[in-house]
């Protein structure tokens, strides 16, 4: 699924989009979507709490947007970090955390990425209060935090207009994770869009409404000119293998037709739902 229905992959456009993010984007955090990330992260935090050998676990939400995934962890682990290139998205995340009573610190790219690895190198005192950072940074440029992260999320944040940028984003995020670390990822599913096109075709929906312009490399371009790279399941497995990540889970994250209809994607009750790919992978 497309994370957004319009715009280009630039911080300024995501700033403009931020005001209507939940009303206009396909998000697994919407009401009615059964998203197992919450229980997966609770299980991870229990494992960390039971590990008395370490008190320095680092969690990063890559492309954190308004903080939906970050708030599930912030204030509960030693260091939690939200990274996004949109200042206004980071402001939304800060406000969300503030309402929950979780303080956060806003940093630029160099300051924030350096802090992640500084915390990683020095370790943390057992009784030290949890810290939460919000960092404005480009997901294609994360070399500073190679091997510094214990667990991470990327919820439809591998969001690029071309295959090269999308692959680079994933590689940089994955390489930040230390051996044995885990990555929870939601990927826009190319198979789902192809399935929707077929449903539209059978229903006689006009081509200009079907948004049926699909590049051979998995880049979809809609009628407005918005381009987005989508992924097949076998492509996801290959990308994970290329960075020495072992895929433990790859499953459909389905969206109710009523929700899809509200966002203008179509309404085909009784037919299988549209989906994104939900992946859990571990760094070897």
Protein backbone atom coordinates (compact mmCIF):
# COMPACT_ATOMS: atom_id res chain seq x y z
CA UNK A 1 0.00 0.00 0.00
CA UNK A 2 1.08 3.58 -0.52
CA UNK A 3 1.95 5.40 2.68
CA UNK A 4 0.58 8.62 1.18
CA UNK A 5 -1.67 9.51 -1.71
CA UNK A 6 0.17 12.55 -2.97
CA UNK A 7 3.40 14.55 -2.78
CA UNK A 8 7.10 13.94 -3.44
CA UNK A 9 9.75 12.40 -1.24
CA UNK A 10 10.97 15.69 0.25
CA UNK A 11 10.91 16.90 3.84
CA UNK A 12 8.92 20.01 2.90
CA UNK A 13 6.13 17.91 1.38
CA UNK A 14 5.95 15.67 4.43
CA UNK A 15 5.84 18.80 6.59
CA UNK A 16 2.81 19.94 4.61
CA UNK A 17 1.26 16.48 4.80
CA UNK A 18 1.78 16.14 8.55
CA UNK A 19 -1.38 18.05 9.51
CA UNK A 20 -3.61 15.41 7.86
CA UNK A 21 -1.35 12.38 8.27
CA UNK A 22 -3.79 10.02 9.95
CA UNK A 23 -6.75 11.16 7.86
CA UNK A 24 -5.03 10.66 4.50
CA UNK A 25 -2.41 7.94 4.92
CA UNK A 26 -2.74 4.18 5.05
CA UNK A 27 -1.41 3.35 8.50
CA UNK A 28 -1.50 0.04 10.40
CA UNK A 29 -2.12 2.04 13.58
CA UNK A 30 -5.61 2.98 12.42
CA UNK A 31 -8.63 1.72 14.37
CA UNK A 32 -9.84 -1.61 13.05
CA UNK A 33 -6.44 -2.78 11.78
CA UNK A 34 -5.09 -5.83 13.60
CA UNK A 35 -1.39 -5.03 13.96
CA UNK A 36 0.69 -7.38 16.08
CA UNK A 37 3.57 -4.92 16.58
CA UNK A 38 2.25 -3.88 19.99
CA UNK A 39 2.45 -7.42 21.37
CA UNK A 40 5.78 -8.06 19.62
CA UNK A 41 7.33 -4.99 21.26
CA UNK A 42 5.89 -5.88 24.68
CA UNK A 43 7.52 -9.30 24.39
CA UNK A 44 10.82 -7.72 23.35
CA UNK A 45 10.78 -5.34 26.33
CA UNK A 46 10.09 -8.24 28.72
CA UNK A 47 13.12 -10.02 27.28
CA UNK A 48 15.26 -6.93 27.76
CA UNK A 49 14.08 -6.46 31.34
CA UNK A 50 14.97 -10.07 32.10
CA UNK A 51 18.49 -9.59 30.72
CA UNK A 52 20.48 -8.56 33.80
CA UNK A 53 23.74 -8.51 31.80
CA UNK A 54 22.90 -5.25 30.04
CA UNK A 55 21.29 -1.92 30.90
CA UNK A 56 22.07 -0.08 27.66
CA UNK A 57 19.52 -1.30 25.12
CA UNK A 58 18.89 1.08 22.23
CA UNK A 59 15.64 1.18 20.24
CA UNK A 60 15.17 3.27 17.08
CA UNK A 61 11.99 4.04 15.13
CA UNK A 62 13.21 4.85 11.62
CA UNK A 63 10.95 7.31 9.80
CA UNK A 64 9.02 7.79 13.03
CA UNK A 65 6.50 10.24 11.57
CA UNK A 66 4.07 11.36 14.30
CA UNK A 67 5.42 8.75 16.71
CA UNK A 68 2.89 5.91 16.52
CA UNK A 69 5.49 3.16 16.98
CA UNK A 70 7.88 5.21 19.09
CA UNK A 71 5.31 5.83 21.82
CA UNK A 72 4.97 2.07 22.36
CA UNK A 73 8.58 1.99 23.63
CA UNK A 74 9.54 5.53 24.69
CA UNK A 75 10.13 5.86 28.43
CA UNK A 76 10.21 2.07 28.85
CA UNK A 77 13.72 1.28 27.58
CA UNK A 78 17.10 2.91 28.33
CA UNK A 79 17.35 4.82 25.04
CA UNK A 80 14.57 5.22 22.48
CA UNK A 81 15.03 7.31 19.35
CA UNK A 82 12.72 8.56 16.63
CA UNK A 83 14.41 9.54 13.37
CA UNK A 84 12.66 11.44 10.60
CA UNK A 85 13.65 14.00 7.97
CA UNK A 86 10.49 16.07 8.46
CA UNK A 87 10.69 18.70 11.24
CA UNK A 88 6.92 18.90 11.56
CA UNK A 89 6.57 15.13 11.87
CA UNK A 90 9.10 15.25 14.70
CA UNK A 91 7.09 18.02 16.35
CA UNK A 92 3.98 15.81 16.19
CA UNK A 93 5.96 12.97 17.76
CA UNK A 94 7.21 15.27 20.53
CA UNK A 95 3.67 16.42 21.28
CA UNK A 96 2.38 12.84 21.34
CA UNK A 97 5.07 11.86 23.84
CA UNK A 98 4.49 14.99 25.92
CA UNK A 99 0.80 14.09 26.31
CA UNK A 100 1.92 10.72 27.62
CA UNK A 101 4.28 12.35 30.09
CA UNK A 102 7.44 11.21 28.27
CA UNK A 103 10.07 13.96 27.89
CA UNK A 104 12.10 14.02 24.68
CA UNK A 105 15.14 15.87 23.38
CA UNK A 106 15.25 17.30 19.85
CA UNK A 107 18.58 17.02 18.00
CA UNK A 108 19.98 17.56 14.53
CA UNK A 109 21.46 14.72 12.50
CA UNK A 110 25.08 14.85 13.70
CA UNK A 111 24.20 15.48 17.34
CA UNK A 112 21.54 12.79 17.42
CA UNK A 113 23.40 10.05 15.59
CA UNK A 114 26.53 10.71 17.65
CA UNK A 115 24.48 10.48 20.86
CA UNK A 116 23.14 7.07 19.87
CA UNK A 117 26.61 5.62 19.53
CA UNK A 118 27.99 7.55 22.52
CA UNK A 119 25.33 5.96 24.72
CA UNK A 120 26.09 2.62 23.15
CA UNK A 121 29.84 2.86 23.84
CA UNK A 122 29.73 4.02 27.44
CA UNK A 123 26.94 1.80 28.70
CA UNK A 124 24.32 3.06 31.12
CA UNK A 125 23.84 2.89 34.86
CA UNK A 126 21.14 0.48 35.99
CA UNK A 127 19.21 3.23 37.77
CA UNK A 128 19.60 5.84 35.00
CA UNK A 129 16.29 7.32 33.78
CA UNK A 130 15.17 6.31 30.27
CA UNK A 131 15.97 8.84 27.56
CA UNK A 132 14.11 9.62 24.34
CA UNK A 133 15.65 11.48 21.41
CA UNK A 134 13.99 12.92 18.31
CA UNK A 135 16.51 13.28 15.50
CA UNK A 136 16.13 14.98 12.14
CA UNK A 137 18.15 12.88 9.70
CA UNK A 138 18.18 11.32 6.24
CA UNK A 139 17.54 7.57 6.34
CA UNK A 140 19.98 7.12 3.47
CA UNK A 141 22.83 8.48 5.61
CA UNK A 142 23.14 6.52 8.83
CA UNK A 143 26.77 5.42 8.74
CA UNK A 144 27.44 7.03 12.15
CA UNK A 145 25.26 4.46 13.93
CA UNK A 146 26.49 1.25 12.28
CA UNK A 147 26.04 -1.62 14.73
CA UNK A 148 24.72 0.61 17.54
CA UNK A 149 21.04 -0.40 17.68
CA UNK A 150 19.48 -3.38 19.49
CA UNK A 151 16.02 -3.19 17.93
CA UNK A 152 14.27 -1.00 15.41
CA UNK A 153 11.00 -0.38 13.62
CA UNK A 154 10.33 0.92 10.14
CA UNK A 155 6.62 1.32 9.55
CA UNK A 156 6.19 2.05 5.84
CA UNK A 157 9.13 4.44 6.07
CA UNK A 158 11.04 2.77 3.22
CA UNK A 159 9.22 5.33 1.16
CA UNK A 160 11.08 6.43 -1.97
CA UNK A 161 10.26 7.32 -5.55
CA UNK A 162 12.87 4.94 -6.97
CA UNK A 163 14.42 1.55 -6.30
CA UNK A 164 17.92 2.90 -5.63
CA UNK A 165 16.87 5.23 -2.78
CA UNK A 166 14.53 2.63 -1.27
CA UNK A 167 17.25 -0.03 -1.23
CA UNK A 168 19.77 2.41 0.24
CA UNK A 169 17.35 3.37 3.03
CA UNK A 170 16.85 -0.25 3.97
CA UNK A 171 20.57 -1.09 3.89
CA UNK A 172 21.46 1.88 6.09
CA UNK A 173 18.75 1.07 8.62
CA UNK A 174 19.58 -2.64 8.70
CA UNK A 175 23.31 -2.05 9.13
CA UNK A 176 22.65 0.07 12.20
CA UNK A 177 21.45 -3.06 14.01
CA UNK A 178 23.99 -5.05 15.99
CA UNK A 179 24.37 -8.86 15.61
CA UNK A 180 21.43 -10.53 17.29
CA UNK A 181 19.33 -7.37 17.06
CA UNK A 182 15.83 -7.42 15.65
CA UNK A 183 14.08 -5.29 13.01
CA UNK A 184 10.28 -4.94 12.77
CA UNK A 185 9.36 -3.64 9.29
CA UNK A 186 6.21 -2.81 7.36
CA UNK A 187 6.80 -2.69 3.60
CA UNK A 188 4.36 -1.42 0.92
CA UNK A 189 3.26 -4.57 -0.95
CA UNK A 190 3.47 -4.63 -4.73
CA UNK A 191 1.34 -7.80 -4.93
CA UNK A 192 -1.44 -5.99 -3.08
CA UNK A 193 -1.53 -3.14 -5.58
CA UNK A 194 -1.58 -5.58 -8.50
CA UNK A 195 -4.47 -7.39 -6.82
CA UNK A 196 -6.34 -4.09 -6.42
CA UNK A 197 -5.81 -3.29 -10.10
CA UNK A 198 -7.35 -6.64 -11.00
CA UNK A 199 -10.37 -6.03 -8.75
CA UNK A 200 -10.81 -2.60 -10.32
CA UNK A 201 -10.56 -4.06 -13.82
CA UNK A 202 -13.21 -6.67 -13.09
CA UNK A 203 -15.47 -3.99 -11.60
CA UNK A 204 -15.08 -1.82 -14.71
CA UNK A 205 -13.48 1.07 -12.88
CA UNK A 206 -12.13 3.60 -15.45
CA UNK A 207 -8.35 3.35 -15.99
CA UNK A 208 -7.80 6.98 -14.99
CA UNK A 209 -9.31 6.18 -11.62
CA UNK A 210 -7.45 2.92 -11.23
CA UNK A 211 -4.01 4.50 -10.99
CA UNK A 212 -2.70 1.65 -13.16
CA UNK A 213 0.74 2.87 -14.15
CA UNK A 214 3.25 0.35 -12.84
CA UNK A 215 6.95 0.27 -13.67
CA UNK A 216 8.75 -3.02 -14.25
CA UNK A 217 10.96 -2.46 -11.18
CA UNK A 218 8.03 -2.05 -8.81
CA UNK A 219 7.69 1.75 -8.91
CA UNK A 220 4.08 2.83 -9.11
CA UNK A 221 3.28 6.24 -10.60
CA UNK A 222 -0.24 7.51 -10.05
CA UNK A 223 -2.27 9.95 -12.13
CA UNK A 224 -0.91 12.93 -10.18
CA UNK A 225 2.69 11.92 -10.90
CA UNK A 226 3.43 10.64 -7.39
CA UNK A 227 5.92 7.77 -7.56
CA UNK A 228 6.45 5.10 -4.91
CA UNK A 229 8.59 1.98 -4.85
CA UNK A 230 6.70 -1.13 -3.69
CA UNK A 231 8.08 -4.57 -2.81
CA UNK A 232 7.34 -8.22 -3.51
CA UNK A 233 7.83 -10.78 -0.75
CA UNK A 234 10.69 -12.49 -2.57
CA UNK A 235 12.40 -9.11 -3.08
CA UNK A 236 12.16 -8.41 0.65
CA UNK A 237 13.78 -11.73 1.45
CA UNK A 238 16.59 -11.01 -0.99
CA UNK A 239 17.23 -7.53 0.44
CA UNK A 240 17.37 -8.94 3.96
CA UNK A 241 19.76 -11.67 2.85
CA UNK A 242 22.04 -9.11 1.23
CA UNK A 243 22.65 -7.46 4.63
CA UNK A 244 22.91 -10.74 6.58
CA UNK A 245 19.46 -10.46 8.13
CA UNK A 246 17.46 -13.62 8.70
CA UNK A 247 13.72 -13.27 8.05
CA UNK A 248 11.84 -14.86 10.94
CA UNK A 249 8.35 -13.69 9.93
CA UNK A 250 6.80 -12.37 6.74
CA UNK A 251 3.04 -12.09 6.74
CA UNK A 252 0.20 -10.01 5.38
CA UNK A 253 -0.89 -6.99 7.41
CA UNK A 254 -4.45 -6.57 6.19
CA UNK A 255 -6.63 -3.45 6.03
CA UNK A 256 -10.46 -3.49 6.35
CA UNK A 257 -12.32 -2.57 3.17
CA UNK A 258 -14.27 0.09 5.08
CA UNK A 259 -10.96 1.79 5.88
CA UNK A 260 -9.73 1.50 2.31
CA UNK A 261 -13.01 2.96 1.07
CA UNK A 262 -12.65 5.99 3.36
CA UNK A 263 -9.24 6.69 1.79
CA UNK A 264 -10.50 6.25 -1.77
CA UNK A 265 -8.82 2.95 -2.58
CA UNK A 266 -11.99 1.03 -3.38
CA UNK A 267 -14.56 -1.12 -1.65
CA UNK A 268 -14.81 -4.83 -2.37
CA UNK A 269 -16.45 -6.46 0.67
CA UNK A 270 -16.38 -10.23 0.53
CA UNK A 271 -13.07 -10.22 -1.32
CA UNK A 272 -9.72 -10.78 0.41
CA UNK A 273 -8.36 -7.56 1.89
CA UNK A 274 -5.51 -5.39 0.67
CA UNK A 275 -2.31 -5.66 2.65
CA UNK A 276 1.24 -4.55 3.44
CA UNK A 277 4.04 -6.96 4.31
CA UNK A 278 4.95 -7.24 7.99
CA UNK A 279 8.44 -8.60 8.51
CA UNK A 280 10.47 -9.52 11.57
CA UNK A 281 14.14 -10.03 10.77
CA UNK A 282 17.22 -10.61 12.93
CA UNK A 283 20.76 -9.54 12.23
CA UNK A 284 23.00 -12.59 11.99
